[in-house]
Amino acid sequence: ALAQVAPGMVGWLISGRKHQQQQESSINITNMQLDYGG
């Protein structure tokens, strides 16, 4: 949705150049740490 507002930015990541490439692109959250003691 942000890519539609600012084309050429995130759209480069999400849209990709081909449909197959679009399926392969991703952003994943890892190593989640919530500061319970803080």
Full PDB file with SEQRES, HELIX, SHEET, SSBOND, CRYST1, ORIGX, SCALE, CONECT and MASTER records, all heavy atoms in Angstrom:
SEQRES   1 A   38  ALA LEU ALA GLN VAL ALA PRO GLY MET VAL GLY TRP LEU          
SEQRES   2 A   38  ILE SER GLY ARG LYS HIS GLN GLN GLN GLN GLU SER SER          
SEQRES   3 A   38  ILE ASN ILE THR ASN MET GLN LEU ASP TYR GLY GLY              
HELIX    1 AA1 LEU A    2  VAL A    5  1                                   4    
HELIX    2 AA2 VAL A   10  ILE A   14  1                                   5    
HELIX    3 AA3 HIS A   19  GLU A   24  1                                   6    
CRYST1    1.000    1.000    1.000  90.00  90.00  90.00 P 1           1          
ORIGX1      1.000000  0.000000  0.000000        0.00000                         
ORIGX2      0.000000  1.000000  0.000000        0.00000                         
ORIGX3      0.000000  0.000000  1.000000        0.00000                         
SCALE1      1.000000  0.000000  0.000000        0.00000                         
SCALE2      0.000000  1.000000  0.000000        0.00000                         
SCALE3      0.000000  0.000000  1.000000        0.00000                         
ATOM      1  N   ALA A   1       0.834  -1.209   0.000  1.00  0.00           N  
ATOM      2  CA  ALA A   1       0.000   0.000   0.000  1.00  0.00           C  
ATOM      3  C   ALA A   1       0.864   1.253   0.000  1.00  0.00           C  
ATOM      4  O   ALA A   1       0.566   2.233  -0.682  1.00  0.00           O  
ATOM      5  CB  ALA A   1      -0.926  -0.012   1.212  1.00  0.00           C  
ATOM      6  N   LEU A   2       1.952   1.206   0.752  1.00  0.00           N  
ATOM      7  CA  LEU A   2       2.861   2.341   0.759  1.00  0.00           C  
ATOM      8  C   LEU A   2       3.551   2.501  -0.590  1.00  0.00           C  
ATOM      9  O   LEU A   2       3.859   3.604  -1.018  1.00  0.00           O  
ATOM     10  CB  LEU A   2       3.911   2.169   1.854  1.00  0.00           C  
ATOM     11  CG  LEU A   2       3.432   2.401   3.275  1.00  0.00           C  
ATOM     12  CD1 LEU A   2       4.540   2.078   4.257  1.00  0.00           C  
ATOM     13  CD2 LEU A   2       2.983   3.840   3.454  1.00  0.00           C  
ATOM     14  N   ALA A   3       3.787   1.388  -1.263  1.00  0.00           N  
ATOM     15  CA  ALA A   3       4.444   1.450  -2.564  1.00  0.00           C  
ATOM     16  C   ALA A   3       3.573   2.186  -3.567  1.00  0.00           C  
ATOM     17  O   ALA A   3       4.069   2.861  -4.470  1.00  0.00           O  
ATOM     18  CB  ALA A   3       4.752   0.038  -3.062  1.00  0.00           C  
ATOM     19  N   GLN A   4       2.236   2.080  -3.424  1.00  0.00           N  
ATOM     20  CA  GLN A   4       1.346   2.788  -4.334  1.00  0.00           C  
ATOM     21  C   GLN A   4       1.398   4.293  -4.095  1.00  0.00           C  
ATOM     22  O   GLN A   4       1.202   5.086  -4.999  1.00  0.00           O  
ATOM     23  CB  GLN A   4      -0.084   2.270  -4.158  1.00  0.00           C  
ATOM     24  CG  GLN A   4      -0.239   0.801  -4.529  1.00  0.00           C  
ATOM     25  CD  GLN A   4      -1.630   0.288  -4.232  1.00  0.00           C  
ATOM     26  OE1 GLN A   4      -2.512   1.044  -3.820  1.00  0.00           O  
ATOM     27  NE2 GLN A   4      -1.853  -1.001  -4.451  1.00  0.00           N  
ATOM     28  N   VAL A   5       1.683   4.671  -2.835  1.00  0.00           N  
ATOM     29  CA  VAL A   5       1.810   6.092  -2.518  1.00  0.00           C  
ATOM     30  C   VAL A   5       3.169   6.621  -2.975  1.00  0.00           C  
ATOM     31  O   VAL A   5       3.297   7.734  -3.456  1.00  0.00           O  
ATOM     32  CB  VAL A   5       1.635   6.320  -1.003  1.00  0.00           C  
ATOM     33  CG1 VAL A   5       1.827   7.787  -0.651  1.00  0.00           C  
ATOM     34  CG2 VAL A   5       0.254   5.842  -0.576  1.00  0.00           C  
ATOM     35  N   ALA A   6       4.195   5.785  -2.807  1.00  0.00           N  
ATOM     36  CA  ALA A   6       5.556   6.187  -3.173  1.00  0.00           C  
ATOM     37  C   ALA A   6       6.117   5.184  -4.170  1.00  0.00           C  
ATOM     38  O   ALA A   6       6.901   4.316  -3.798  1.00  0.00           O  
ATOM     39  CB  ALA A   6       6.440   6.265  -1.937  1.00  0.00           C  
ATOM     40  N   PRO A   7       5.682   5.217  -5.426  1.00  0.00           N  
ATOM     41  CA  PRO A   7       6.146   4.246  -6.412  1.00  0.00           C  
ATOM     42  C   PRO A   7       7.645   4.343  -6.613  1.00  0.00           C  
ATOM     43  O   PRO A   7       8.234   5.413  -6.538  1.00  0.00           O  
ATOM     44  CB  PRO A   7       5.381   4.653  -7.675  1.00  0.00           C  
ATOM     45  CG  PRO A   7       5.019   6.080  -7.463  1.00  0.00           C  
ATOM     46  CD  PRO A   7       4.796   6.234  -5.995  1.00  0.00           C  
ATOM     47  N   GLY A   8       8.236   3.176  -6.879  1.00  0.00           N  
ATOM     48  CA  GLY A   8       9.668   3.127  -7.114  1.00  0.00           C  
ATOM     49  C   GLY A   8      10.469   2.873  -5.865  1.00  0.00           C  
ATOM     50  O   GLY A   8      11.656   2.609  -5.936  1.00  0.00           O  
ATOM     51  N   MET A   9       9.812   2.919  -4.669  1.00  0.00           N  
ATOM     52  CA  MET A   9      10.521   2.652  -3.431  1.00  0.00           C  
ATOM     53  C   MET A   9      10.269   1.206  -3.007  1.00  0.00           C  
ATOM     54  O   MET A   9      10.982   0.295  -3.400  1.00  0.00           O  
ATOM     55  CB  MET A   9      10.081   3.641  -2.344  1.00  0.00           C  
ATOM     56  CG  MET A   9      10.438   5.092  -2.663  1.00  0.00           C  
ATOM     57  SD  MET A   9       9.991   6.173  -1.295  1.00  0.00           S  
ATOM     58  CE  MET A   9      10.497   7.759  -1.941  1.00  0.00           C  
ATOM     59  N   VAL A  10       9.234   1.029  -2.175  1.00  0.00           N  
ATOM     60  CA  VAL A  10       8.931  -0.321  -1.736  1.00  0.00           C  
ATOM     61  C   VAL A  10       8.388  -1.141  -2.896  1.00  0.00           C  
ATOM     62  O   VAL A  10       8.491  -2.362  -2.914  1.00  0.00           O  
ATOM     63  CB  VAL A  10       7.923  -0.291  -0.563  1.00  0.00           C  
ATOM     64  CG1 VAL A  10       7.677  -1.680  -0.030  1.00  0.00           C  
ATOM     65  CG2 VAL A  10       8.471   0.586   0.539  1.00  0.00           C  
ATOM     66  N   GLY A  11       7.810  -0.474  -3.876  1.00  0.00           N  
ATOM     67  CA  GLY A  11       7.293  -1.197  -5.028  1.00  0.00           C  
ATOM     68  C   GLY A  11       8.361  -1.990  -5.747  1.00  0.00           C  
ATOM     69  O   GLY A  11       8.078  -3.026  -6.350  1.00  0.00           O  
ATOM     70  N   TRP A  12       9.601  -1.504  -5.675  1.00  0.00           N  
ATOM     71  CA  TRP A  12      10.699  -2.242  -6.276  1.00  0.00           C  
ATOM     72  C   TRP A  12      10.861  -3.594  -5.602  1.00  0.00           C  
ATOM     73  O   TRP A  12      11.162  -4.597  -6.222  1.00  0.00           O  
ATOM     74  CB  TRP A  12      11.970  -1.418  -6.112  1.00  0.00           C  
ATOM     75  CG  TRP A  12      13.123  -1.913  -6.954  1.00  0.00           C  
ATOM     76  CD1 TRP A  12      13.067  -2.765  -8.007  1.00  0.00           C  
ATOM     77  CD2 TRP A  12      14.488  -1.576  -6.795  1.00  0.00           C  
ATOM     78  NE1 TRP A  12      14.314  -2.966  -8.530  1.00  0.00           N  
ATOM     79  CE2 TRP A  12      15.205  -2.244  -7.802  1.00  0.00           C  
ATOM     80  CE3 TRP A  12      15.167  -0.748  -5.902  1.00  0.00           C  
ATOM     81  CZ2 TRP A  12      16.577  -2.144  -7.934  1.00  0.00           C  
ATOM     82  CZ3 TRP A  12      16.538  -0.636  -6.051  1.00  0.00           C  
ATOM     83  CH2 TRP A  12      17.234  -1.327  -7.046  1.00  0.00           C  
ATOM     84  N   LEU A  13      10.622  -3.621  -4.280  1.00  0.00           N  
ATOM     85  CA  LEU A  13      10.724  -4.872  -3.544  1.00  0.00           C  
ATOM     86  C   LEU A  13       9.505  -5.756  -3.751  1.00  0.00           C  
ATOM     87  O   LEU A  13       9.620  -6.938  -4.048  1.00  0.00           O  
ATOM     88  CB  LEU A  13      10.876  -4.576  -2.042  1.00  0.00           C  
ATOM     89  CG  LEU A  13      10.738  -5.780  -1.118  1.00  0.00           C  
ATOM     90  CD1 LEU A  13      11.878  -6.753  -1.330  1.00  0.00           C  
ATOM     91  CD2 LEU A  13      10.706  -5.319   0.333  1.00  0.00           C  
ATOM     92  N   ILE A  14       8.314  -5.174  -3.609  1.00  0.00           N  
ATOM     93  CA  ILE A  14       7.097  -5.972  -3.622  1.00  0.00           C  
ATOM     94  C   ILE A  14       6.733  -6.435  -5.032  1.00  0.00           C  
ATOM     95  O   ILE A  14       6.393  -7.587  -5.262  1.00  0.00           O  
ATOM     96  CB  ILE A  14       5.930  -5.182  -3.003  1.00  0.00           C  
ATOM     97  CG1 ILE A  14       6.277  -4.815  -1.565  1.00  0.00           C  
ATOM     98  CG2 ILE A  14       4.648  -5.975  -3.054  1.00  0.00           C  
ATOM     99  CD1 ILE A  14       6.487  -6.001  -0.657  1.00  0.00           C  
ATOM    100  N   SER A  15       6.796  -5.516  -5.971  1.00  0.00           N  
ATOM    101  CA  SER A  15       6.356  -5.838  -7.319  1.00  0.00           C  
ATOM    102  C   SER A  15       7.359  -6.722  -8.042  1.00  0.00           C  
ATOM    103  O   SER A  15       6.993  -7.710  -8.678  1.00  0.00           O  
ATOM    104  CB  SER A  15       6.121  -4.549  -8.109  1.00  0.00           C  
ATOM    105  OG  SER A  15       5.119  -3.783  -7.490  1.00  0.00           O  
ATOM    106  N   GLY A  16       8.623  -6.359  -7.956  1.00  0.00           N  
ATOM    107  CA  GLY A  16       9.623  -7.134  -8.666  1.00  0.00           C  
ATOM    108  C   GLY A  16       9.508  -6.930 -10.167  1.00  0.00           C  
ATOM    109  O   GLY A  16       8.719  -6.129 -10.659  1.00  0.00           O  
ATOM    110  N   ARG A  17      10.327  -7.636 -10.909  1.00  0.00           N  
ATOM    111  CA  ARG A  17      10.293  -7.518 -12.350  1.00  0.00           C  
ATOM    112  C   ARG A  17       9.461  -8.605 -13.005  1.00  0.00           C  
ATOM    113  O   ARG A  17       8.967  -8.441 -14.101  1.00  0.00           O  
ATOM    114  CB  ARG A  17      11.722  -7.563 -12.894  1.00  0.00           C  
ATOM    115  CG  ARG A  17      12.577  -6.385 -12.411  1.00  0.00           C  
ATOM    116  CD  ARG A  17      13.959  -6.442 -12.986  1.00  0.00           C  
ATOM    117  NE  ARG A  17      14.774  -5.303 -12.550  1.00  0.00           N  
ATOM    118  CZ  ARG A  17      16.046  -5.132 -12.892  1.00  0.00           C  
ATOM    119  NH1 ARG A  17      16.643  -6.014 -13.675  1.00  0.00           N  
ATOM    120  NH2 ARG A  17      16.702  -4.077 -12.453  1.00  0.00           N  
ATOM    121  N   LYS A  18       9.332  -9.729 -12.290  1.00  0.00           N  
ATOM    122  CA  LYS A  18       8.531 -10.817 -12.826  1.00  0.00           C  
ATOM    123  C   LYS A  18       7.656 -11.369 -11.711  1.00  0.00           C  
ATOM    124  O   LYS A  18       7.965 -11.238 -10.531  1.00  0.00           O  
ATOM    125  CB  LYS A  18       9.423 -11.940 -13.379  1.00  0.00           C  
ATOM    126  CG  LYS A  18      10.275 -11.500 -14.576  1.00  0.00           C  
ATOM    127  CD  LYS A  18      11.123 -12.660 -15.048  1.00  0.00           C  
ATOM    128  CE  LYS A  18      12.013 -12.244 -16.226  1.00  0.00           C  
ATOM    129  NZ  LYS A  18      12.861 -13.370 -16.675  1.00  0.00           N  
ATOM    130  N   HIS A  19       6.581 -12.015 -12.090  1.00  0.00           N  
ATOM    131  CA  HIS A  19       5.679 -12.584 -11.087  1.00  0.00           C  
ATOM    132  C   HIS A  19       6.386 -13.631 -10.257  1.00  0.00           C  
ATOM    133  O   HIS A  19       6.190 -13.721  -9.040  1.00  0.00           O  
ATOM    134  CB  HIS A  19       4.470 -13.199 -11.788  1.00  0.00           C  
ATOM    135  CG  HIS A  19       3.500 -13.840 -10.835  1.00  0.00           C  
ATOM    136  ND1 HIS A  19       2.686 -13.090 -10.004  1.00  0.00           N  
ATOM    137  CD2 HIS A  19       3.232 -15.146 -10.553  1.00  0.00           C  
ATOM    138  CE1 HIS A  19       1.943 -13.897  -9.265  1.00  0.00           C  
ATOM    139  NE2 HIS A  19       2.269 -15.146  -9.583  1.00  0.00           N  
ATOM    140  N   GLN A  20       7.248 -14.438 -10.881  1.00  0.00           N  
ATOM    141  CA  GLN A  20       7.950 -15.468 -10.144  1.00  0.00           C  
ATOM    142  C   GLN A  20       8.882 -14.842  -9.116  1.00  0.00           C  
ATOM    143  O   GLN A  20       8.981 -15.311  -7.979  1.00  0.00           O  
ATOM    144  CB  GLN A  20       8.760 -16.339 -11.106  1.00  0.00           C  
ATOM    145  CG  GLN A  20       9.484 -17.488 -10.406  1.00  0.00           C  
ATOM    146  CD  GLN A  20      10.242 -18.365 -11.388  1.00  0.00           C  
ATOM    147  OE1 GLN A  20      10.222 -18.110 -12.597  1.00  0.00           O  
ATOM    148  NE2 GLN A  20      10.892 -19.385 -10.886  1.00  0.00           N  
ATOM    149  N   GLN A  21       9.557 -13.747  -9.494  1.00  0.00           N  
ATOM    150  CA  GLN A  21      10.426 -13.071  -8.561  1.00  0.00           C  
ATOM    151  C   GLN A  21       9.642 -12.468  -7.401  1.00  0.00           C  
ATOM    152  O   GLN A  21      10.098 -12.436  -6.273  1.00  0.00           O  
ATOM    153  CB  GLN A  21      11.201 -11.977  -9.293  1.00  0.00           C  
ATOM    154  CG  GLN A  21      12.250 -12.528 -10.249  1.00  0.00           C  
ATOM    155  CD  GLN A  21      12.965 -11.417 -10.983  1.00  0.00           C  
ATOM    156  OE1 GLN A  21      12.331 -10.410 -11.318  1.00  0.00           O  
ATOM    157  NE2 GLN A  21      14.237 -11.587 -11.241  1.00  0.00           N  
ATOM    158  N   GLN A  22       8.431 -12.013  -7.682  1.00  0.00           N  
ATOM    159  CA  GLN A  22       7.596 -11.420  -6.631  1.00  0.00           C  
ATOM    160  C   GLN A  22       7.280 -12.448  -5.558  1.00  0.00           C  
ATOM    161  O   GLN A  22       7.244 -12.148  -4.379  1.00  0.00           O  
ATOM    162  CB  GLN A  22       6.314 -10.880  -7.245  1.00  0.00           C  
ATOM    163  CG  GLN A  22       5.370 -10.260  -6.217  1.00  0.00           C  
ATOM    164  CD  GLN A  22       4.087  -9.796  -6.834  1.00  0.00           C  
ATOM    165  OE1 GLN A  22       3.892  -9.903  -8.039  1.00  0.00           O  
ATOM    166  NE2 GLN A  22       3.201  -9.287  -6.012  1.00  0.00           N  
ATOM    167  N   GLN A  23       7.047 -13.690  -5.979  1.00  0.00           N  
ATOM    168  CA  GLN A  23       6.740 -14.734  -5.019  1.00  0.00           C  
ATOM    169  C   GLN A  23       7.947 -15.067  -4.153  1.00  0.00           C  
ATOM    170  O   GLN A  23       7.798 -15.504  -3.038  1.00  0.00           O  
ATOM    171  CB  GLN A  23       6.267 -15.997  -5.773  1.00  0.00           C  
ATOM    172  CG  GLN A  23       4.980 -15.801  -6.568  1.00  0.00           C  
ATOM    173  CD  GLN A  23       3.822 -15.400  -5.693  1.00  0.00           C  
ATOM    174  OE1 GLN A  23       3.678 -15.899  -4.587  1.00  0.00           O  
ATOM    175  NE2 GLN A  23       2.992 -14.484  -6.166  1.00  0.00           N  
ATOM    176  N   GLU A  24       9.156 -14.860  -4.675  1.00  0.00           N  
ATOM    177  CA  GLU A  24      10.353 -15.218  -3.943  1.00  0.00           C  
ATOM    178  C   GLU A  24      10.793 -14.126  -2.972  1.00  0.00           C  
ATOM    179  O   GLU A  24      11.548 -14.390  -2.060  1.00  0.00           O  
ATOM    180  CB  GLU A  24      11.484 -15.522  -4.936  1.00  0.00           C  
ATOM    181  CG  GLU A  24      11.223 -16.760  -5.785  1.00  0.00           C  
ATOM    182  CD  GLU A  24      12.293 -16.959  -6.842  1.00  0.00           C  
ATOM    183  OE1 GLU A  24      13.138 -16.050  -7.002  1.00  0.00           O  
ATOM    184  OE2 GLU A  24      12.275 -18.001  -7.506  1.00  0.00           O  
ATOM    185  N   SER A  25      10.367 -12.898  -3.178  1.00  0.00           N  
ATOM    186  CA  SER A  25      10.770 -11.814  -2.291  1.00  0.00           C  
ATOM    187  C   SER A  25      10.033 -11.914  -0.962  1.00  0.00           C  
ATOM    188  O   SER A  25       8.877 -12.337  -0.901  1.00  0.00           O  
ATOM    189  CB  SER A  25      10.486 -10.460  -2.943  1.00  0.00           C  
ATOM    190  OG  SER A  25       9.100 -10.293  -3.112  1.00  0.00           O  
ATOM    191  N   SER A  26      10.720 -11.520   0.123  1.00  0.00           N  
ATOM    192  CA  SER A  26      10.081 -11.631   1.431  1.00  0.00           C  
ATOM    193  C   SER A  26      10.844 -10.806   2.458  1.00  0.00           C  
ATOM    194  O   SER A  26      12.016 -10.490   2.292  1.00  0.00           O  
ATOM    195  CB  SER A  26      10.036 -13.096   1.884  1.00  0.00           C  
ATOM    196  OG  SER A  26      11.347 -13.605   2.053  1.00  0.00           O  
ATOM    197  N   ILE A  27      10.123 -10.466   3.532  1.00  0.00           N  
ATOM    198  CA  ILE A  27      10.722  -9.904   4.739  1.00  0.00           C  
ATOM    199  C   ILE A  27      10.168 -10.705   5.911  1.00  0.00           C  
ATOM    200  O   ILE A  27       8.961 -10.772   6.102  1.00  0.00           O  
ATOM    201  CB  ILE A  27      10.390  -8.412   4.935  1.00  0.00           C  
ATOM    202  CG1 ILE A  27      10.840  -7.593   3.736  1.00  0.00           C  
ATOM    203  CG2 ILE A  27      11.064  -7.885   6.192  1.00  0.00           C  
ATOM    204  CD1 ILE A  27      10.524  -6.120   3.873  1.00  0.00           C  
ATOM    205  N   ASN A  28      11.062 -11.302   6.688  1.00  0.00           N  
ATOM    206  CA  ASN A  28      10.645 -12.134   7.809  1.00  0.00           C  
ATOM    207  C   ASN A  28      11.210 -11.583   9.116  1.00  0.00           C  
ATOM    208  O   ASN A  28      12.352 -11.105   9.163  1.00  0.00           O  
ATOM    209  CB  ASN A  28      11.132 -13.579   7.620  1.00  0.00           C  
ATOM    210  CG  ASN A  28      10.505 -14.233   6.404  1.00  0.00           C  
ATOM    211  OD1 ASN A  28       9.324 -14.060   6.133  1.00  0.00           O  
ATOM    212  ND2 ASN A  28      11.307 -14.977   5.657  1.00  0.00           N  
ATOM    213  N   ILE A  29      10.396 -11.653  10.168  1.00  0.00           N  
ATOM    214  CA  ILE A  29      10.828 -11.249  11.506  1.00  0.00           C  
ATOM    215  C   ILE A  29      11.465 -12.457  12.190  1.00  0.00           C  
ATOM    216  O   ILE A  29      10.890 -13.539  12.233  1.00  0.00           O  
ATOM    217  CB  ILE A  29       9.652 -10.729  12.337  1.00  0.00           C  
ATOM    218  CG1 ILE A  29       9.091  -9.439  11.718  1.00  0.00           C  
ATOM    219  CG2 ILE A  29      10.077 -10.471  13.780  1.00  0.00           C  
ATOM    220  CD1 ILE A  29       7.877  -8.899  12.438  1.00  0.00           C  
ATOM    221  N   THR A  30      12.664 -12.268  12.748  1.00  0.00           N  
ATOM    222  CA  THR A  30      13.365 -13.336  13.466  1.00  0.00           C  
ATOM    223  C   THR A  30      13.935 -12.775  14.766  1.00  0.00           C  
ATOM    224  O   THR A  30      13.984 -11.562  14.978  1.00  0.00           O  
ATOM    225  CB  THR A  30      14.508 -13.928  12.625  1.00  0.00           C  
ATOM    226  OG1 THR A  30      15.481 -12.899  12.369  1.00  0.00           O  
ATOM    227  CG2 THR A  30      14.001 -14.457  11.287  1.00  0.00           C  
ATOM    228  N   ASN A  31      14.373 -13.688  15.633  1.00  0.00           N  
ATOM    229  CA  ASN A  31      15.073 -13.308  16.870  1.00  0.00           C  
ATOM    230  C   ASN A  31      14.300 -12.258  17.663  1.00  0.00           C  
ATOM    231  O   ASN A  31      14.845 -11.248  18.100  1.00  0.00           O  
ATOM    232  CB  ASN A  31      16.480 -12.790  16.553  1.00  0.00           C  
ATOM    233  CG  ASN A  31      17.356 -12.725  17.795  1.00  0.00           C  
ATOM    234  OD1 ASN A  31      17.164 -13.478  18.745  1.00  0.00           O  
ATOM    235  ND2 ASN A  31      18.321 -11.820  17.789  1.00  0.00           N  
ATOM    236  N   MET A  32      13.010 -12.509  17.858  1.00  0.00           N  
ATOM    237  CA  MET A  32      12.144 -11.581  18.584  1.00  0.00           C  
ATOM    238  C   MET A  32      12.509 -11.573  20.068  1.00  0.00           C  
ATOM    239  O   MET A  32      12.588 -12.618  20.703  1.00  0.00           O  
ATOM    240  CB  MET A  32      10.690 -12.018  18.386  1.00  0.00           C  
ATOM    241  CG  MET A  32       9.674 -11.232  19.179  1.00  0.00           C  
ATOM    242  SD  MET A  32       9.579  -9.532  18.642  1.00  0.00           S  
ATOM    243  CE  MET A  32       9.286  -8.741  20.211  1.00  0.00           C  
ATOM    244  N   GLN A  33      12.737 -10.391  20.634  1.00  0.00           N  
ATOM    245  CA  GLN A  33      13.095 -10.265  22.044  1.00  0.00           C  
ATOM    246  C   GLN A  33      12.281  -9.151  22.685  1.00  0.00           C  
ATOM    247  O   GLN A  33      12.491  -7.970  22.377  1.00  0.00           O  
ATOM    248  CB  GLN A  33      14.589  -9.988  22.200  1.00  0.00           C  
ATOM    249  CG  GLN A  33      15.476 -11.121  21.725  1.00  0.00           C  
ATOM    250  CD  GLN A  33      16.949 -10.824  21.902  1.00  0.00           C  
ATOM    251  OE1 GLN A  33      17.338  -9.709  22.222  1.00  0.00           O  
ATOM    252  NE2 GLN A  33      17.771 -11.833  21.695  1.00  0.00           N  
ATOM    253  N   LEU A  34      11.374  -9.527  23.564  1.00  0.00           N  
ATOM    254  CA  LEU A  34      10.584  -8.558  24.316  1.00  0.00           C  
ATOM    255  C   LEU A  34      11.220  -8.402  25.691  1.00  0.00           C  
ATOM    256  O   LEU A  34      11.474  -9.385  26.380  1.00  0.00           O  
ATOM    257  CB  LEU A  34       9.136  -9.033  24.423  1.00  0.00           C  
ATOM    258  CG  LEU A  34       8.070  -7.977  24.691  1.00  0.00           C  
ATOM    259  CD1 LEU A  34       6.713  -8.465  24.197  1.00  0.00           C  
ATOM    260  CD2 LEU A  34       7.983  -7.641  26.166  1.00  0.00           C  
ATOM    261  N   ASP A  35      11.503  -7.174  26.079  1.00  0.00           N  
ATOM    262  CA  ASP A  35      12.217  -6.907  27.330  1.00  0.00           C  
ATOM    263  C   ASP A  35      11.263  -7.022  28.512  1.00  0.00           C  
ATOM    264  O   ASP A  35      10.782  -6.021  29.053  1.00  0.00           O  
ATOM    265  CB  ASP A  35      12.852  -5.513  27.270  1.00  0.00           C  
ATOM    266  CG  ASP A  35      13.781  -5.247  28.456  1.00  0.00           C  
ATOM    267  OD1 ASP A  35      14.016  -6.195  29.233  1.00  0.00           O  
ATOM    268  OD2 ASP A  35      14.263  -4.114  28.596  1.00  0.00           O  
ATOM    269  N   TYR A  36      11.001  -8.268  28.928  1.00  0.00           N  
ATOM    270  CA  TYR A  36      10.057  -8.498  30.022  1.00  0.00           C  
ATOM    271  C   TYR A  36      10.548  -7.880  31.329  1.00  0.00           C  
ATOM    272  O   TYR A  36       9.776  -7.323  32.101  1.00  0.00           O  
ATOM    273  CB  TYR A  36       9.833  -9.999  30.227  1.00  0.00           C  
ATOM    274  CG  TYR A  36       9.195 -10.690  29.044  1.00  0.00           C  
ATOM    275  CD1 TYR A  36       9.938 -11.550  28.244  1.00  0.00           C  
ATOM    276  CD2 TYR A  36       7.861 -10.475  28.729  1.00  0.00           C  
ATOM    277  CE1 TYR A  36       9.353 -12.185  27.159  1.00  0.00           C  
ATOM    278  CE2 TYR A  36       7.272 -11.100  27.651  1.00  0.00           C  
ATOM    279  CZ  TYR A  36       8.022 -11.958  26.861  1.00  0.00           C  
ATOM    280  OH  TYR A  36       7.459 -12.584  25.779  1.00  0.00           O  
ATOM    281  N   GLY A  37      11.850  -7.976  31.589  1.00  0.00           N  
ATOM    282  CA  GLY A  37      12.393  -7.469  32.842  1.00  0.00           C  
ATOM    283  C   GLY A  37      12.569  -5.967  32.864  1.00  0.00           C  
ATOM    284  O   GLY A  37      12.847  -5.396  33.922  1.00  0.00           O  
ATOM    285  N   GLY A  38      12.402  -5.310  31.716  1.00  0.00           N  
ATOM    286  CA  GLY A  38      12.628  -3.876  31.646  1.00  0.00           C  
ATOM    287  C   GLY A  38      11.366  -3.055  31.498  1.00  0.00           C  
ATOM    288  O   GLY A  38      11.437  -1.882  31.118  1.00  0.00           O  
TER     289      GLY A  38                                                      
MASTER        0    0    0    3    0    0    0    6  288    1    0    3          
END                                                                             
